[in-house]
Every structure is written in C-alpha cells, then in structure tokens.
Amino acid sequence: MTIHALHQSLLLLLKLWTHIWWNISKGRSALTSQTKF
C-alpha cells in the first residue's frame, strides 16, 4: 500500500466518522426536543 492510498483511506474514514457522529448528534438533539413537549 502506498502512502497516497493510505492517506486517501484515512481521509475517507475521517469523513465517514464525521458523518456518523453528525447524524448521531442530530438524532440526539431531535430526541431531546421531542421529549420537552
């Protein structure tokens, strides 16, 4: 595996993780706003 390929896969993982974390935090805020009512 070349350095470039490794770098690309790391970037992809970072993007994926950010996307997942963003969805989880959005879901949590939606849940908390629903329970307030």
PDB file of N, CA and C in Angstrom:
ATOM      1  N   MET A   1       0.851  -1.196   0.000  1.00  0.00           N
ATOM      2  CA  MET A   1       0.000   0.000   0.000  1.00  0.00           C
ATOM      3  C   MET A   1       0.889   1.250   0.000  1.00  0.00           C
ATOM      4  N   THR A   2       0.589   2.151  -0.905  1.00  0.00           N
ATOM      5  CA  THR A   2       1.389   3.361  -0.982  1.00  0.00           C
ATOM      6  C   THR A   2       0.937   4.378   0.060  1.00  0.00           C
ATOM      7  N   ILE A   3       1.785   5.367   0.281  1.00  0.00           N
ATOM      8  CA  ILE A   3       1.458   6.416   1.250  1.00  0.00           C
ATOM      9  C   ILE A   3       0.192   7.158   0.809  1.00  0.00           C
ATOM     10  N   HIS A   4       0.088   7.384  -0.502  1.00  0.00           N
ATOM     11  CA  HIS A   4      -1.061   8.110  -1.039  1.00  0.00           C
ATOM     12  C   HIS A   4      -2.360   7.345  -0.792  1.00  0.00           C
ATOM     13  N   ALA A   5      -2.333   6.048  -1.038  1.00  0.00           N
ATOM     14  CA  ALA A   5      -3.522   5.217  -0.833  1.00  0.00           C
ATOM     15  C   ALA A   5      -3.907   5.205   0.640  1.00  0.00           C
ATOM     16  N   LEU A   6      -2.898   5.142   1.500  1.00  0.00           N
ATOM     17  CA  LEU A   6      -3.139   5.145   2.941  1.00  0.00           C
ATOM     18  C   LEU A   6      -3.781   6.467   3.360  1.00  0.00           C
ATOM     19  N   HIS A   7      -3.259   7.547   2.802  1.00  0.00           N
ATOM     20  CA  HIS A   7      -3.776   8.877   3.099  1.00  0.00           C
ATOM     21  C   HIS A   7      -5.225   9.004   2.658  1.00  0.00           C
ATOM     22  N   GLN A   8      -5.524   8.475   1.465  1.00  0.00           N
ATOM     23  CA  GLN A   8      -6.879   8.531   0.930  1.00  0.00           C
ATOM     24  C   GLN A   8      -7.862   7.772   1.808  1.00  0.00           C
ATOM     25  N   SER A   9      -7.448   6.579   2.241  1.00  0.00           N
ATOM     26  CA  SER A   9      -8.333   5.760   3.074  1.00  0.00           C
ATOM     27  C   SER A   9      -8.544   6.408   4.437  1.00  0.00           C
ATOM     28  N   LEU A  10      -7.505   7.074   4.947  1.00  0.00           N
ATOM     29  CA  LEU A  10      -7.641   7.759   6.229  1.00  0.00           C
ATOM     30  C   LEU A  10      -8.619   8.926   6.109  1.00  0.00           C
ATOM     31  N   LEU A  11      -8.533   9.643   4.993  1.00  0.00           N
ATOM     32  CA  LEU A  11      -9.447  10.755   4.760  1.00  0.00           C
ATOM     33  C   LEU A  11     -10.881  10.259   4.660  1.00  0.00           C
ATOM     34  N   LEU A  12     -11.049   9.123   3.980  1.00  0.00           N
ATOM     35  CA  LEU A  12     -12.374   8.539   3.813  1.00  0.00           C
ATOM     36  C   LEU A  12     -12.957   8.135   5.162  1.00  0.00           C
ATOM     37  N   LEU A  13     -12.109   7.523   5.994  1.00  0.00           N
ATOM     38  CA  LEU A  13     -12.547   7.115   7.327  1.00  0.00           C
ATOM     39  C   LEU A  13     -12.959   8.326   8.151  1.00  0.00           C
ATOM     40  N   LEU A  14     -12.176   9.392   8.042  1.00  0.00           N
ATOM     41  CA  LEU A  14     -12.458  10.608   8.791  1.00  0.00           C
ATOM     42  C   LEU A  14     -13.798  11.207   8.367  1.00  0.00           C
ATOM     43  N   LYS A  15     -14.028  11.226   7.045  1.00  0.00           N
ATOM     44  CA  LYS A  15     -15.290  11.752   6.529  1.00  0.00           C
ATOM     45  C   LYS A  15     -16.460  10.916   7.009  1.00  0.00           C
ATOM     46  N   LEU A  16     -16.280   9.595   6.958  1.00  0.00           N
ATOM     47  CA  LEU A  16     -17.335   8.678   7.372  1.00  0.00           C
ATOM     48  C   LEU A  16     -17.655   8.862   8.846  1.00  0.00           C
ATOM     49  N   TRP A  17     -16.612   8.942   9.666  1.00  0.00           N
ATOM     50  CA  TRP A  17     -16.785   9.103  11.104  1.00  0.00           C
ATOM     51  C   TRP A  17     -17.492  10.419  11.430  1.00  0.00           C
ATOM     52  N   THR A  18     -17.092  11.491  10.731  1.00  0.00           N
ATOM     53  CA  THR A  18     -17.715  12.793  10.949  1.00  0.00           C
ATOM     54  C   THR A  18     -19.193  12.738  10.587  1.00  0.00           C
ATOM     55  N   HIS A  19     -19.496  12.051   9.474  1.00  0.00           N
ATOM     56  CA  HIS A  19     -20.877  11.918   9.011  1.00  0.00           C
ATOM     57  C   HIS A  19     -21.723  11.157  10.026  1.00  0.00           C
ATOM     58  N   ILE A  20     -21.178  10.055  10.532  1.00  0.00           N
ATOM     59  CA  ILE A  20     -21.889   9.238  11.522  1.00  0.00           C
ATOM     60  C   ILE A  20     -22.112  10.033  12.808  1.00  0.00           C
ATOM     61  N   TRP A  21     -21.044  10.705  13.274  1.00  0.00           N
ATOM     62  CA  TRP A  21     -21.127  11.473  14.513  1.00  0.00           C
ATOM     63  C   TRP A  21     -22.139  12.612  14.381  1.00  0.00           C
ATOM     64  N   TRP A  22     -22.154  13.237  13.198  1.00  0.00           N
ATOM     65  CA  TRP A  22     -23.081  14.334  12.940  1.00  0.00           C
ATOM     66  C   TRP A  22     -24.519  13.845  12.999  1.00  0.00           C
ATOM     67  N   ASN A  23     -24.773  12.674  12.391  1.00  0.00           N
ATOM     68  CA  ASN A  23     -26.119  12.099  12.395  1.00  0.00           C
ATOM     69  C   ASN A  23     -26.557  11.732  13.803  1.00  0.00           C
ATOM     70  N   ILE A  24     -25.635  11.187  14.596  1.00  0.00           N
ATOM     71  CA  ILE A  24     -25.951  10.798  15.967  1.00  0.00           C
ATOM     72  C   ILE A  24     -26.290  12.035  16.809  1.00  0.00           C
ATOM     73  N   SER A  25     -25.483  13.071  16.666  1.00  0.00           N
ATOM     74  CA  SER A  25     -25.730  14.282  17.450  1.00  0.00           C
ATOM     75  C   SER A  25     -27.036  14.949  17.018  1.00  0.00           C
ATOM     76  N   LYS A  26     -27.336  14.892  15.719  1.00  0.00           N
ATOM     77  CA  LYS A  26     -28.595  15.458  15.235  1.00  0.00           C
ATOM     78  C   LYS A  26     -29.771  14.659  15.777  1.00  0.00           C
ATOM     79  N   GLY A  27     -29.642  13.337  15.776  1.00  0.00           N
ATOM     80  CA  GLY A  27     -30.687  12.458  16.283  1.00  0.00           C
ATOM     81  C   GLY A  27     -30.924  12.688  17.762  1.00  0.00           C
ATOM     82  N   ARG A  28     -29.840  12.906  18.501  1.00  0.00           N
ATOM     83  CA  ARG A  28     -29.954  13.145  19.941  1.00  0.00           C
ATOM     84  C   ARG A  28     -30.682  14.448  20.216  1.00  0.00           C
ATOM     85  N   SER A  29     -30.332  15.484  19.479  1.00  0.00           N
ATOM     86  CA  SER A  29     -30.979  16.778  19.695  1.00  0.00           C
ATOM     87  C   SER A  29     -32.454  16.707  19.312  1.00  0.00           C
ATOM     88  N   ALA A  30     -32.766  15.903  18.286  1.00  0.00           N
ATOM     89  CA  ALA A  30     -34.164  15.731  17.879  1.00  0.00           C
ATOM     90  C   ALA A  30     -34.930  15.000  18.971  1.00  0.00           C
ATOM     91  N   LEU A  31     -34.284  14.003  19.571  1.00  0.00           N
ATOM     92  CA  LEU A  31     -34.931  13.247  20.641  1.00  0.00           C
ATOM     93  C   LEU A  31     -35.182  14.129  21.855  1.00  0.00           C
ATOM     94  N   THR A  32     -34.203  14.929  22.223  1.00  0.00           N
ATOM     95  CA  THR A  32     -34.351  15.781  23.401  1.00  0.00           C
ATOM     96  C   THR A  32     -35.404  16.858  23.172  1.00  0.00           C
ATOM     97  N   SER A  33     -35.496  17.368  21.943  1.00  0.00           N
ATOM     98  CA  SER A  33     -36.500  18.394  21.665  1.00  0.00           C
ATOM     99  C   SER A  33     -37.904  17.795  21.666  1.00  0.00           C
ATOM    100  N   GLN A  34     -38.002  16.510  21.306  1.00  0.00           N
ATOM    101  CA  GLN A  34     -39.308  15.846  21.310  1.00  0.00           C
ATOM    102  C   GLN A  34     -39.785  15.580  22.739  1.00  0.00           C
ATOM    103  N   THR A  35     -38.855  15.206  23.605  1.00  0.00           N
ATOM    104  CA  THR A  35     -39.244  14.866  24.973  1.00  0.00           C
ATOM    105  C   THR A  35     -39.638  16.108  25.768  1.00  0.00           C
ATOM    106  N   LYS A  36     -39.251  17.281  25.305  1.00  0.00           N
ATOM    107  CA  LYS A  36     -39.595  18.513  26.012  1.00  0.00           C
ATOM    108  C   LYS A  36     -41.091  18.805  25.920  1.00  0.00           C
ATOM    109  N   PHE A  37     -41.710  18.417  24.818  1.00  0.00           N
ATOM    110  CA  PHE A  37     -43.116  18.747  24.613  1.00  0.00           C
ATOM    111  C   PHE A  37     -44.064  17.930  25.459  1.00  0.00           C
TER     112      PHE A  37
END
